[in-house]
Structure formats: structure tokens, C-alpha cells
Amino acid sequence: MKTPIAVHTDEDYEQAQRRVAELSITPDSPEKARELEALAEAMLAFELRRDESIH
């Protein structure tokens, strides 16, 4: 079982961005699509939490 993707800090967010860039140069596969979706969801959740804390 793979570890869930969680973004809690700015550093996590930057690491997720680097992983997306790494994946962008790999061949398409179901695993790649699942990981990109999980990254996108984790990054969006982080962005929403960050925006809420600003307002």
C-alpha cells in the first residue's frame, strides 16, 4: 500500500510541485494518473486551508 499524499507545509507544497514536474516527463500510465490526481487534491486542499487562514 502506498503512503497517502498530504500537503501540510509550504515545503510539502514545493515537494509536490517538484513531483508533478517529474511525472510530467514520464510515460502516461494509470499509476501516473492516480498519483497526479492525488497530488492535485492534496495541493488544492492546502491552498484552500491557506486561503481560509488569510481571511
PDB file of N, CA and C in Angstrom:
ATOM      1  N   MET A   1       0.844  -1.177   0.000  1.00  0.00           N
ATOM      2  CA  MET A   1       0.000   0.000   0.000  1.00  0.00           C
ATOM      3  C   MET A   1       0.887   1.237   0.000  1.00  0.00           C
ATOM      4  N   LYS A   2       0.541   2.187  -0.810  1.00  0.00           N
ATOM      5  CA  LYS A   2       1.315   3.425  -0.896  1.00  0.00           C
ATOM      6  C   LYS A   2       0.894   4.387   0.201  1.00  0.00           C
ATOM      7  N   THR A   3       1.815   5.272   0.561  1.00  0.00           N
ATOM      8  CA  THR A   3       1.541   6.290   1.558  1.00  0.00           C
ATOM      9  C   THR A   3       0.636   7.357   0.958  1.00  0.00           C
ATOM     10  N   PRO A   4      -0.409   7.789   1.689  1.00  0.00           N
ATOM     11  CA  PRO A   4      -1.249   8.863   1.171  1.00  0.00           C
ATOM     12  C   PRO A   4      -0.438  10.145   0.985  1.00  0.00           C
ATOM     13  N   ILE A   5      -0.857  10.945   0.053  1.00  0.00           N
ATOM     14  CA  ILE A   5      -0.178  12.210  -0.202  1.00  0.00           C
ATOM     15  C   ILE A   5      -0.852  13.279   0.651  1.00  0.00           C
ATOM     16  N   ALA A   6      -0.035  13.976   1.457  1.00  0.00           N
ATOM     17  CA  ALA A   6      -0.545  15.050   2.304  1.00  0.00           C
ATOM     18  C   ALA A   6       0.360  16.261   2.161  1.00  0.00           C
ATOM     19  N   VAL A   7      -0.249  17.426   2.095  1.00  0.00           N
ATOM     20  CA  VAL A   7       0.498  18.676   1.997  1.00  0.00           C
ATOM     21  C   VAL A   7       0.094  19.528   3.196  1.00  0.00           C
ATOM     22  N   HIS A   8       1.041  19.697   4.126  1.00  0.00           N
ATOM     23  CA  HIS A   8       0.759  20.446   5.345  1.00  0.00           C
ATOM     24  C   HIS A   8       1.554  21.744   5.455  1.00  0.00           C
ATOM     25  N   THR A   9       2.658  21.825   4.746  1.00  0.00           N
ATOM     26  CA  THR A   9       3.530  22.992   4.863  1.00  0.00           C
ATOM     27  C   THR A   9       3.906  23.504   3.474  1.00  0.00           C
ATOM     28  N   ASP A  10       4.480  24.699   3.457  1.00  0.00           N
ATOM     29  CA  ASP A  10       4.959  25.236   2.182  1.00  0.00           C
ATOM     30  C   ASP A  10       6.005  24.318   1.564  1.00  0.00           C
ATOM     31  N   GLU A  11       6.828  23.704   2.409  1.00  0.00           N
ATOM     32  CA  GLU A  11       7.848  22.781   1.903  1.00  0.00           C
ATOM     33  C   GLU A  11       7.210  21.550   1.257  1.00  0.00           C
ATOM     34  N   ASP A  12       6.151  21.026   1.879  1.00  0.00           N
ATOM     35  CA  ASP A  12       5.413  19.904   1.286  1.00  0.00           C
ATOM     36  C   ASP A  12       4.848  20.303  -0.071  1.00  0.00           C
ATOM     37  N   TYR A  13       4.321  21.531  -0.139  1.00  0.00           N
ATOM     38  CA  TYR A  13       3.730  22.025  -1.380  1.00  0.00           C
ATOM     39  C   TYR A  13       4.790  22.101  -2.476  1.00  0.00           C
ATOM     40  N   GLU A  14       5.962  22.620  -2.127  1.00  0.00           N
ATOM     41  CA  GLU A  14       7.055  22.705  -3.100  1.00  0.00           C
ATOM     42  C   GLU A  14       7.499  21.319  -3.546  1.00  0.00           C
ATOM     43  N   GLN A  15       7.545  20.377  -2.623  1.00  0.00           N
ATOM     44  CA  GLN A  15       7.912  18.999  -2.962  1.00  0.00           C
ATOM     45  C   GLN A  15       6.867  18.398  -3.903  1.00  0.00           C
ATOM     46  N   ALA A  16       5.600  18.673  -3.651  1.00  0.00           N
ATOM     47  CA  ALA A  16       4.535  18.175  -4.526  1.00  0.00           C
ATOM     48  C   ALA A  16       4.674  18.772  -5.922  1.00  0.00           C
ATOM     49  N   GLN A  17       5.011  20.053  -6.006  1.00  0.00           N
ATOM     50  CA  GLN A  17       5.217  20.688  -7.309  1.00  0.00           C
ATOM     51  C   GLN A  17       6.374  20.025  -8.058  1.00  0.00           C
ATOM     52  N   ARG A  18       7.443  19.719  -7.342  1.00  0.00           N
ATOM     53  CA  ARG A  18       8.585  19.034  -7.990  1.00  0.00           C
ATOM     54  C   ARG A  18       8.174  17.657  -8.492  1.00  0.00           C
ATOM     55  N   ARG A  19       7.355  16.951  -7.707  1.00  0.00           N
ATOM     56  CA  ARG A  19       6.916  15.620  -8.115  1.00  0.00           C
ATOM     57  C   ARG A  19       6.034  15.700  -9.359  1.00  0.00           C
ATOM     58  N   VAL A  20       5.165  16.704  -9.429  1.00  0.00           N
ATOM     59  CA  VAL A  20       4.330  16.890 -10.620  1.00  0.00           C
ATOM     60  C   VAL A  20       5.227  17.115 -11.837  1.00  0.00           C
ATOM     61  N   ALA A  21       6.267  17.925 -11.674  1.00  0.00           N
ATOM     62  CA  ALA A  21       7.191  18.176 -12.785  1.00  0.00           C
ATOM     63  C   ALA A  21       7.895  16.887 -13.196  1.00  0.00           C
ATOM     64  N   GLU A  22       8.304  16.084 -12.223  1.00  0.00           N
ATOM     65  CA  GLU A  22       8.941  14.793 -12.541  1.00  0.00           C
ATOM     66  C   GLU A  22       7.982  13.894 -13.310  1.00  0.00           C
ATOM     67  N   LEU A  23       6.753  13.829 -12.855  1.00  0.00           N
ATOM     68  CA  LEU A  23       5.770  12.960 -13.506  1.00  0.00           C
ATOM     69  C   LEU A  23       5.426  13.431 -14.911  1.00  0.00           C
ATOM     70  N   SER A  24       5.530  14.723 -15.149  1.00  0.00           N
ATOM     71  CA  SER A  24       5.148  15.250 -16.458  1.00  0.00           C
ATOM     72  C   SER A  24       6.031  14.722 -17.581  1.00  0.00           C
ATOM     73  N   ILE A  25       7.223  14.251 -17.252  1.00  0.00           N
ATOM     74  CA  ILE A  25       8.122  13.741 -18.290  1.00  0.00           C
ATOM     75  C   ILE A  25       8.122  12.218 -18.379  1.00  0.00           C
ATOM     76  N   THR A  26       7.264  11.557 -17.566  1.00  0.00           N
ATOM     77  CA  THR A  26       7.188  10.101 -17.630  1.00  0.00           C
ATOM     78  C   THR A  26       6.049   9.683 -18.550  1.00  0.00           C
ATOM     79  N   PRO A  27       6.119   8.467 -19.080  1.00  0.00           N
ATOM     80  CA  PRO A  27       5.036   7.984 -19.958  1.00  0.00           C
ATOM     81  C   PRO A  27       3.707   7.898 -19.198  1.00  0.00           C
ATOM     82  N   ASP A  28       2.624   8.115 -19.923  1.00  0.00           N
ATOM     83  CA  ASP A  28       1.302   8.012 -19.316  1.00  0.00           C
ATOM     84  C   ASP A  28       1.031   6.585 -18.866  1.00  0.00           C
ATOM     85  N   SER A  29       0.402   6.474 -17.707  1.00  0.00           N
ATOM     86  CA  SER A  29       0.006   5.171 -17.173  1.00  0.00           C
ATOM     87  C   SER A  29      -1.098   5.410 -16.153  1.00  0.00           C
ATOM     88  N   PRO A  30      -1.839   4.369 -15.813  1.00  0.00           N
ATOM     89  CA  PRO A  30      -2.871   4.527 -14.785  1.00  0.00           C
ATOM     90  C   PRO A  30      -2.282   4.975 -13.441  1.00  0.00           C
ATOM     91  N   GLU A  31      -1.107   4.467 -13.109  1.00  0.00           N
ATOM     92  CA  GLU A  31      -0.458   4.842 -11.853  1.00  0.00           C
ATOM     93  C   GLU A  31      -0.097   6.328 -11.849  1.00  0.00           C
ATOM     94  N   LYS A  32       0.413   6.808 -12.979  1.00  0.00           N
ATOM     95  CA  LYS A  32       0.759   8.222 -13.103  1.00  0.00           C
ATOM     96  C   LYS A  32      -0.491   9.081 -12.936  1.00  0.00           C
ATOM     97  N   ALA A  33      -1.568   8.698 -13.577  1.00  0.00           N
ATOM     98  CA  ALA A  33      -2.812   9.456 -13.485  1.00  0.00           C
ATOM     99  C   ALA A  33      -3.325   9.495 -12.052  1.00  0.00           C
ATOM    100  N   ARG A  34      -3.257   8.369 -11.343  1.00  0.00           N
ATOM    101  CA  ARG A  34      -3.713   8.327  -9.954  1.00  0.00           C
ATOM    102  C   ARG A  34      -2.849   9.217  -9.062  1.00  0.00           C
ATOM    103  N   GLU A  35      -1.534   9.163  -9.267  1.00  0.00           N
ATOM    104  CA  GLU A  35      -0.647   9.986  -8.450  1.00  0.00           C
ATOM    105  C   GLU A  35      -0.857  11.475  -8.741  1.00  0.00           C
ATOM    106  N   LEU A  36      -1.004  11.838 -10.013  1.00  0.00           N
ATOM    107  CA  LEU A  36      -1.257  13.242 -10.348  1.00  0.00           C
ATOM    108  C   LEU A  36      -2.570  13.730  -9.739  1.00  0.00           C
ATOM    109  N   GLU A  37      -3.585  12.901  -9.755  1.00  0.00           N
ATOM    110  CA  GLU A  37      -4.866  13.278  -9.158  1.00  0.00           C
ATOM    111  C   GLU A  37      -4.729  13.463  -7.651  1.00  0.00           C
ATOM    112  N   ALA A  38      -4.022  12.549  -6.995  1.00  0.00           N
ATOM    113  CA  ALA A  38      -3.817  12.658  -5.550  1.00  0.00           C
ATOM    114  C   ALA A  38      -3.009  13.906  -5.205  1.00  0.00           C
ATOM    115  N   LEU A  39      -1.989  14.197  -5.995  1.00  0.00           N
ATOM    116  CA  LEU A  39      -1.195  15.405  -5.769  1.00  0.00           C
ATOM    117  C   LEU A  39      -2.050  16.653  -5.936  1.00  0.00           C
ATOM    118  N   ALA A  40      -2.849  16.679  -6.986  1.00  0.00           N
ATOM    119  CA  ALA A  40      -3.704  17.839  -7.246  1.00  0.00           C
ATOM    120  C   ALA A  40      -4.682  18.057  -6.092  1.00  0.00           C
ATOM    121  N   GLU A  41      -5.285  16.986  -5.598  1.00  0.00           N
ATOM    122  CA  GLU A  41      -6.232  17.109  -4.491  1.00  0.00           C
ATOM    123  C   GLU A  41      -5.548  17.600  -3.230  1.00  0.00           C
ATOM    124  N   ALA A  42      -4.373  17.067  -2.923  1.00  0.00           N
ATOM    125  CA  ALA A  42      -3.642  17.475  -1.724  1.00  0.00           C
ATOM    126  C   ALA A  42      -3.191  18.923  -1.822  1.00  0.00           C
ATOM    127  N   MET A  43      -2.730  19.318  -3.003  1.00  0.00           N
ATOM    128  CA  MET A  43      -2.280  20.699  -3.190  1.00  0.00           C
ATOM    129  C   MET A  43      -3.463  21.663  -3.097  1.00  0.00           C
ATOM    130  N   LEU A  44      -4.601  21.293  -3.677  1.00  0.00           N
ATOM    131  CA  LEU A  44      -5.785  22.147  -3.611  1.00  0.00           C
ATOM    132  C   LEU A  44      -6.261  22.294  -2.170  1.00  0.00           C
ATOM    133  N   ALA A  45      -6.287  21.205  -1.426  1.00  0.00           N
ATOM    134  CA  ALA A  45      -6.708  21.266  -0.029  1.00  0.00           C
ATOM    135  C   ALA A  45      -5.795  22.204   0.758  1.00  0.00           C
ATOM    136  N   PHE A  46      -4.500  22.131   0.507  1.00  0.00           N
ATOM    137  CA  PHE A  46      -3.548  23.016   1.175  1.00  0.00           C
ATOM    138  C   PHE A  46      -3.830  24.471   0.807  1.00  0.00           C
ATOM    139  N   GLU A  47      -4.042  24.732  -0.475  1.00  0.00           N
ATOM    140  CA  GLU A  47      -4.310  26.099  -0.925  1.00  0.00           C
ATOM    141  C   GLU A  47      -5.581  26.649  -0.276  1.00  0.00           C
ATOM    142  N   LEU A  48      -6.609  25.835  -0.177  1.00  0.00           N
ATOM    143  CA  LEU A  48      -7.862  26.278   0.434  1.00  0.00           C
ATOM    144  C   LEU A  48      -7.675  26.569   1.923  1.00  0.00           C
ATOM    145  N   ARG A  49      -6.940  25.698   2.632  1.00  0.00           N
ATOM    146  CA  ARG A  49      -6.673  25.942   4.054  1.00  0.00           C
ATOM    147  C   ARG A  49      -5.867  27.222   4.229  1.00  0.00           C
ATOM    148  N   ARG A  50      -4.884  27.420   3.375  1.00  0.00           N
ATOM    149  CA  ARG A  50      -4.040  28.616   3.465  1.00  0.00           C
ATOM    150  C   ARG A  50      -4.883  29.864   3.201  1.00  0.00           C
ATOM    151  N   ASP A  51      -5.752  29.822   2.189  1.00  0.00           N
ATOM    152  CA  ASP A  51      -6.609  30.964   1.896  1.00  0.00           C
ATOM    153  C   ASP A  51      -7.565  31.272   3.043  1.00  0.00           C
ATOM    154  N   GLU A  52      -8.102  30.233   3.678  1.00  0.00           N
ATOM    155  CA  GLU A  52      -9.011  30.446   4.802  1.00  0.00           C
ATOM    156  C   GLU A  52      -8.297  31.103   5.976  1.00  0.00           C
ATOM    157  N   SER A  53      -7.048  30.749   6.191  1.00  0.00           N
ATOM    158  CA  SER A  53      -6.322  31.320   7.326  1.00  0.00           C
ATOM    159  C   SER A  53      -5.960  32.779   7.079  1.00  0.00           C
ATOM    160  N   ILE A  54      -5.904  33.193   5.824  1.00  0.00           N
ATOM    161  CA  ILE A  54      -5.606  34.584   5.484  1.00  0.00           C
ATOM    162  C   ILE A  54      -6.838  35.457   5.711  1.00  0.00           C
ATOM    163  N   HIS A  55      -8.005  34.905   5.430  1.00  0.00           N
ATOM    164  CA  HIS A  55      -9.255  35.682   5.542  1.00  0.00           C
ATOM    165  C   HIS A  55      -9.767  35.467   6.899  1.00  0.00           C
TER     166      HIS A  55
END
